[in-house]
Amino acid sequence: MLNNGRSPLQLARKLSATAPRLNANANPGTLEAIKDVQRATEKEYIVAALKKARGRIRGANGAAELLHIKPTTLESKMARLNIRKQDFCQGTAEDELSG
């Protein structure tokens, strides 16, 4: 799912105890319901990595490294899941320019 495919997926923390809300039109057990749960879980895992990396995607201690995936793969997943890296950055661009 979110690793290099050669090793077991290691979660740094437990996922939330509550199950993600399923699509109201999907019957439990259908492929669509399973995909909804997978997307919600994947999004939660990426968000956790972005928070830990303070919005950084690339480089040492970036979210891609934490997830053991290529930065371009992470950016693609973020776009598909509507995750914006700006939501996880510390400070603003103005702070960086002034300091």
N, C-alpha and C. Protein backbone atom coordinates (compact mmCIF):
# COMPACT_ATOMS: atom_id res chain seq x y z
N MET A 1 0.83 -1.19 0.00
CA MET A 1 0.00 0.00 0.00
C MET A 1 0.87 1.25 0.00
N LEU A 2 1.61 1.51 1.04
CA LEU A 2 2.41 2.72 1.09
C LEU A 2 3.86 2.42 1.43
N ASN A 3 4.36 1.31 0.96
CA ASN A 3 5.76 1.03 1.20
C ASN A 3 6.40 0.61 -0.11
N ASN A 4 7.63 0.17 -0.06
CA ASN A 4 8.35 -0.18 -1.27
C ASN A 4 7.94 -1.53 -1.86
N GLY A 5 7.08 -2.24 -1.22
CA GLY A 5 6.59 -3.52 -1.72
C GLY A 5 7.50 -4.69 -1.41
N ARG A 6 8.65 -4.43 -0.83
CA ARG A 6 9.59 -5.50 -0.51
C ARG A 6 9.63 -5.82 0.97
N SER A 7 8.98 -5.01 1.76
CA SER A 7 9.01 -5.23 3.21
C SER A 7 7.61 -5.02 3.77
N PRO A 8 7.32 -5.61 4.93
CA PRO A 8 6.00 -5.41 5.55
C PRO A 8 5.79 -3.94 5.91
N LEU A 9 4.58 -3.50 5.82
CA LEU A 9 4.24 -2.13 6.18
C LEU A 9 4.30 -1.98 7.69
N GLN A 10 5.12 -1.07 8.17
CA GLN A 10 5.28 -0.82 9.60
C GLN A 10 4.61 0.51 9.93
N LEU A 11 3.62 0.50 10.77
CA LEU A 11 2.95 1.72 11.19
C LEU A 11 3.61 2.23 12.46
N ALA A 12 3.91 3.53 12.49
CA ALA A 12 4.56 4.12 13.65
C ALA A 12 3.58 4.25 14.81
N ARG A 13 2.30 4.30 14.50
CA ARG A 13 1.29 4.43 15.54
C ARG A 13 0.05 3.70 15.07
N LYS A 14 -0.85 3.45 16.00
CA LYS A 14 -2.12 2.82 15.64
C LYS A 14 -2.95 3.81 14.83
N LEU A 15 -3.69 3.27 13.88
CA LEU A 15 -4.63 4.11 13.15
C LEU A 15 -5.79 4.42 14.08
N SER A 16 -6.57 5.41 13.72
CA SER A 16 -7.65 5.83 14.61
C SER A 16 -8.56 4.64 14.94
N ALA A 17 -9.08 4.66 16.13
CA ALA A 17 -9.92 3.56 16.61
C ALA A 17 -11.26 3.51 15.88
N THR A 18 -11.71 4.65 15.37
CA THR A 18 -12.99 4.67 14.68
C THR A 18 -12.78 4.38 13.20
N ALA A 19 -13.66 3.59 12.66
CA ALA A 19 -13.57 3.27 11.24
C ALA A 19 -13.97 4.49 10.41
N PRO A 20 -13.33 4.69 9.27
CA PRO A 20 -13.71 5.81 8.41
C PRO A 20 -15.16 5.65 7.95
N ARG A 21 -15.80 6.77 7.72
CA ARG A 21 -17.20 6.76 7.27
C ARG A 21 -17.23 6.23 5.84
N LEU A 22 -18.09 5.26 5.61
CA LEU A 22 -18.21 4.67 4.28
C LEU A 22 -19.16 5.48 3.42
N ASN A 23 -18.98 5.37 2.13
CA ASN A 23 -19.86 6.00 1.16
C ASN A 23 -21.27 5.46 1.40
N ALA A 24 -22.25 6.35 1.53
CA ALA A 24 -23.62 5.94 1.83
C ALA A 24 -24.22 5.08 0.72
N ASN A 25 -23.74 5.24 -0.52
CA ASN A 25 -24.27 4.48 -1.65
C ASN A 25 -23.63 3.11 -1.79
N ALA A 26 -22.57 2.86 -1.07
CA ALA A 26 -21.87 1.58 -1.20
C ALA A 26 -22.38 0.60 -0.14
N ASN A 27 -22.62 -0.62 -0.56
CA ASN A 27 -23.01 -1.66 0.39
C ASN A 27 -21.76 -2.16 1.10
N PRO A 28 -21.87 -2.42 2.40
CA PRO A 28 -20.70 -2.96 3.11
C PRO A 28 -20.22 -4.24 2.42
N GLY A 29 -18.94 -4.37 2.26
CA GLY A 29 -18.39 -5.56 1.63
C GLY A 29 -18.23 -5.44 0.13
N THR A 30 -18.75 -4.37 -0.46
CA THR A 30 -18.57 -4.20 -1.89
C THR A 30 -17.18 -3.65 -2.17
N LEU A 31 -16.75 -3.79 -3.39
CA LEU A 31 -15.44 -3.29 -3.78
C LEU A 31 -15.35 -1.79 -3.54
N GLU A 32 -16.41 -1.06 -3.80
CA GLU A 32 -16.39 0.40 -3.59
C GLU A 32 -16.23 0.74 -2.11
N ALA A 33 -16.88 -0.01 -1.24
CA ALA A 33 -16.74 0.23 0.21
C ALA A 33 -15.30 -0.05 0.66
N ILE A 34 -14.73 -1.10 0.12
CA ILE A 34 -13.35 -1.44 0.47
C ILE A 34 -12.41 -0.35 -0.02
N LYS A 35 -12.64 0.15 -1.22
CA LYS A 35 -11.80 1.23 -1.76
C LYS A 35 -11.94 2.50 -0.93
N ASP A 36 -13.14 2.78 -0.44
CA ASP A 36 -13.35 3.95 0.43
C ASP A 36 -12.52 3.84 1.70
N VAL A 37 -12.52 2.67 2.30
CA VAL A 37 -11.74 2.45 3.53
C VAL A 37 -10.25 2.56 3.22
N GLN A 38 -9.83 2.00 2.10
CA GLN A 38 -8.42 2.07 1.72
C GLN A 38 -7.99 3.51 1.50
N ARG A 39 -8.80 4.31 0.80
CA ARG A 39 -8.46 5.72 0.56
C ARG A 39 -8.38 6.49 1.87
N ALA A 40 -9.34 6.26 2.76
CA ALA A 40 -9.34 6.96 4.04
C ALA A 40 -8.12 6.59 4.88
N THR A 41 -7.76 5.32 4.87
CA THR A 41 -6.60 4.86 5.63
C THR A 41 -5.31 5.43 5.03
N GLU A 42 -5.22 5.39 3.73
CA GLU A 42 -4.04 5.92 3.04
C GLU A 42 -3.88 7.42 3.31
N LYS A 43 -5.00 8.14 3.26
CA LYS A 43 -4.96 9.58 3.52
C LYS A 43 -4.50 9.86 4.95
N GLU A 44 -5.03 9.10 5.90
CA GLU A 44 -4.65 9.29 7.30
C GLU A 44 -3.16 9.04 7.50
N TYR A 45 -2.64 8.02 6.85
CA TYR A 45 -1.23 7.66 6.98
C TYR A 45 -0.34 8.75 6.37
N ILE A 46 -0.72 9.27 5.20
CA ILE A 46 0.05 10.34 4.55
C ILE A 46 0.00 11.61 5.39
N VAL A 47 -1.16 11.95 5.90
CA VAL A 47 -1.30 13.15 6.75
C VAL A 47 -0.41 13.03 7.98
N ALA A 48 -0.37 11.85 8.59
CA ALA A 48 0.48 11.65 9.77
C ALA A 48 1.95 11.86 9.42
N ALA A 49 2.37 11.35 8.27
CA ALA A 49 3.77 11.52 7.84
C ALA A 49 4.07 12.99 7.54
N LEU A 50 3.14 13.69 6.90
CA LEU A 50 3.33 15.11 6.60
C LEU A 50 3.42 15.94 7.86
N LYS A 51 2.60 15.60 8.85
CA LYS A 51 2.67 16.32 10.13
C LYS A 51 4.03 16.12 10.78
N LYS A 52 4.49 14.88 10.77
CA LYS A 52 5.79 14.58 11.39
C LYS A 52 6.92 15.29 10.64
N ALA A 53 6.80 15.39 9.32
CA ALA A 53 7.83 16.03 8.49
C ALA A 53 7.60 17.53 8.35
N ARG A 54 6.58 18.06 9.01
CA ARG A 54 6.23 19.48 8.95
C ARG A 54 6.03 19.97 7.51
N GLY A 55 5.37 19.14 6.72
CA GLY A 55 5.04 19.51 5.35
C GLY A 55 6.12 19.23 4.33
N ARG A 56 7.28 18.83 4.78
CA ARG A 56 8.38 18.54 3.86
C ARG A 56 8.13 17.19 3.19
N ILE A 57 8.26 17.17 1.87
CA ILE A 57 8.03 15.94 1.12
C ILE A 57 9.34 15.24 0.79
N ARG A 58 10.31 16.01 0.32
CA ARG A 58 11.57 15.45 -0.18
C ARG A 58 12.70 15.57 0.84
N GLY A 59 13.75 14.81 0.60
CA GLY A 59 14.97 14.93 1.39
C GLY A 59 14.93 14.15 2.69
N ALA A 60 16.01 14.35 3.45
CA ALA A 60 16.14 13.65 4.73
C ALA A 60 14.99 14.01 5.66
N ASN A 61 14.38 13.01 6.24
CA ASN A 61 13.25 13.18 7.15
C ASN A 61 12.01 13.78 6.50
N GLY A 62 11.96 13.78 5.18
CA GLY A 62 10.75 14.21 4.48
C GLY A 62 9.70 13.11 4.54
N ALA A 63 8.47 13.46 4.26
CA ALA A 63 7.38 12.48 4.35
C ALA A 63 7.59 11.29 3.43
N ALA A 64 8.13 11.52 2.23
CA ALA A 64 8.35 10.40 1.31
C ALA A 64 9.35 9.41 1.90
N GLU A 65 10.40 9.92 2.52
CA GLU A 65 11.37 9.03 3.15
C GLU A 65 10.73 8.27 4.31
N LEU A 66 9.92 8.94 5.10
CA LEU A 66 9.25 8.28 6.22
C LEU A 66 8.32 7.16 5.75
N LEU A 67 7.71 7.37 4.58
CA LEU A 67 6.78 6.38 4.04
C LEU A 67 7.48 5.34 3.15
N HIS A 68 8.78 5.54 2.89
CA HIS A 68 9.55 4.63 2.04
C HIS A 68 9.00 4.57 0.62
N ILE A 69 8.61 5.75 0.08
CA ILE A 69 8.16 5.84 -1.31
C ILE A 69 8.87 7.01 -1.97
N LYS A 70 8.83 7.05 -3.30
CA LYS A 70 9.45 8.14 -4.04
C LYS A 70 8.64 9.42 -3.81
N PRO A 71 9.32 10.57 -3.77
CA PRO A 71 8.60 11.84 -3.60
C PRO A 71 7.54 12.07 -4.67
N THR A 72 7.84 11.70 -5.91
CA THR A 72 6.86 11.89 -6.98
C THR A 72 5.62 11.03 -6.76
N THR A 73 5.81 9.84 -6.22
CA THR A 73 4.68 8.97 -5.90
C THR A 73 3.83 9.59 -4.80
N LEU A 74 4.50 10.13 -3.79
CA LEU A 74 3.77 10.79 -2.70
C LEU A 74 2.99 11.98 -3.22
N GLU A 75 3.61 12.80 -4.07
CA GLU A 75 2.92 13.97 -4.62
C GLU A 75 1.70 13.54 -5.44
N SER A 76 1.83 12.46 -6.17
CA SER A 76 0.70 11.95 -6.95
C SER A 76 -0.44 11.49 -6.05
N LYS A 77 -0.09 10.78 -4.99
CA LYS A 77 -1.11 10.31 -4.03
C LYS A 77 -1.78 11.50 -3.34
N MET A 78 -0.97 12.51 -2.99
CA MET A 78 -1.52 13.70 -2.33
C MET A 78 -2.52 14.40 -3.24
N ALA A 79 -2.19 14.51 -4.53
CA ALA A 79 -3.11 15.16 -5.47
C ALA A 79 -4.41 14.36 -5.58
N ARG A 80 -4.29 13.03 -5.66
CA ARG A 80 -5.47 12.17 -5.79
C ARG A 80 -6.36 12.23 -4.56
N LEU A 81 -5.74 12.41 -3.38
CA LEU A 81 -6.48 12.42 -2.12
C LEU A 81 -6.80 13.83 -1.63
N ASN A 82 -6.50 14.84 -2.45
CA ASN A 82 -6.76 16.25 -2.10
C ASN A 82 -6.06 16.66 -0.80
N ILE A 83 -4.79 16.31 -0.69
CA ILE A 83 -3.98 16.70 0.46
C ILE A 83 -3.03 17.79 0.00
N ARG A 84 -3.04 18.92 0.70
CA ARG A 84 -2.15 20.04 0.36
C ARG A 84 -1.01 20.11 1.37
N LYS A 85 0.22 20.15 0.86
CA LYS A 85 1.37 20.18 1.77
C LYS A 85 1.39 21.47 2.59
N GLN A 86 0.83 22.55 2.05
CA GLN A 86 0.80 23.83 2.76
C GLN A 86 0.07 23.73 4.09
N ASP A 87 -0.84 22.80 4.20
CA ASP A 87 -1.61 22.64 5.43
C ASP A 87 -0.77 22.06 6.57
N PHE A 88 0.44 21.61 6.26
CA PHE A 88 1.27 20.96 7.26
C PHE A 88 2.59 21.67 7.50
N CYS A 89 2.81 22.77 6.80
CA CYS A 89 4.06 23.52 6.95
C CYS A 89 4.01 24.38 8.20
N GLN A 90 5.15 24.52 8.86
CA GLN A 90 5.27 25.41 10.01
C GLN A 90 5.54 26.82 9.48
N GLY A 91 4.76 27.79 9.91
CA GLY A 91 4.96 29.17 9.47
C GLY A 91 4.44 29.38 8.06
N THR A 92 4.64 30.59 7.55
CA THR A 92 4.17 30.94 6.22
C THR A 92 5.35 31.33 5.37
N ALA A 93 5.11 31.56 4.10
CA ALA A 93 6.17 31.99 3.19
C ALA A 93 6.72 33.34 3.63
N GLU A 94 5.86 34.21 4.16
CA GLU A 94 6.31 35.52 4.64
C GLU A 94 7.28 35.36 5.80
N ASP A 95 7.00 34.40 6.70
CA ASP A 95 7.90 34.14 7.83
C ASP A 95 9.27 33.72 7.33
N GLU A 96 9.30 32.88 6.28
CA GLU A 96 10.56 32.39 5.76
C GLU A 96 11.35 33.52 5.10
N LEU A 97 10.66 34.43 4.42
CA LEU A 97 11.34 35.54 3.76
C LEU A 97 11.89 36.55 4.76
N SER A 98 11.16 36.76 5.84
CA SER A 98 11.59 37.76 6.82
C SER A 98 12.60 37.21 7.81
N GLY A 99 12.68 35.92 7.97
CA GLY A 99 13.55 35.36 8.99
C GLY A 99 14.58 34.52 8.42
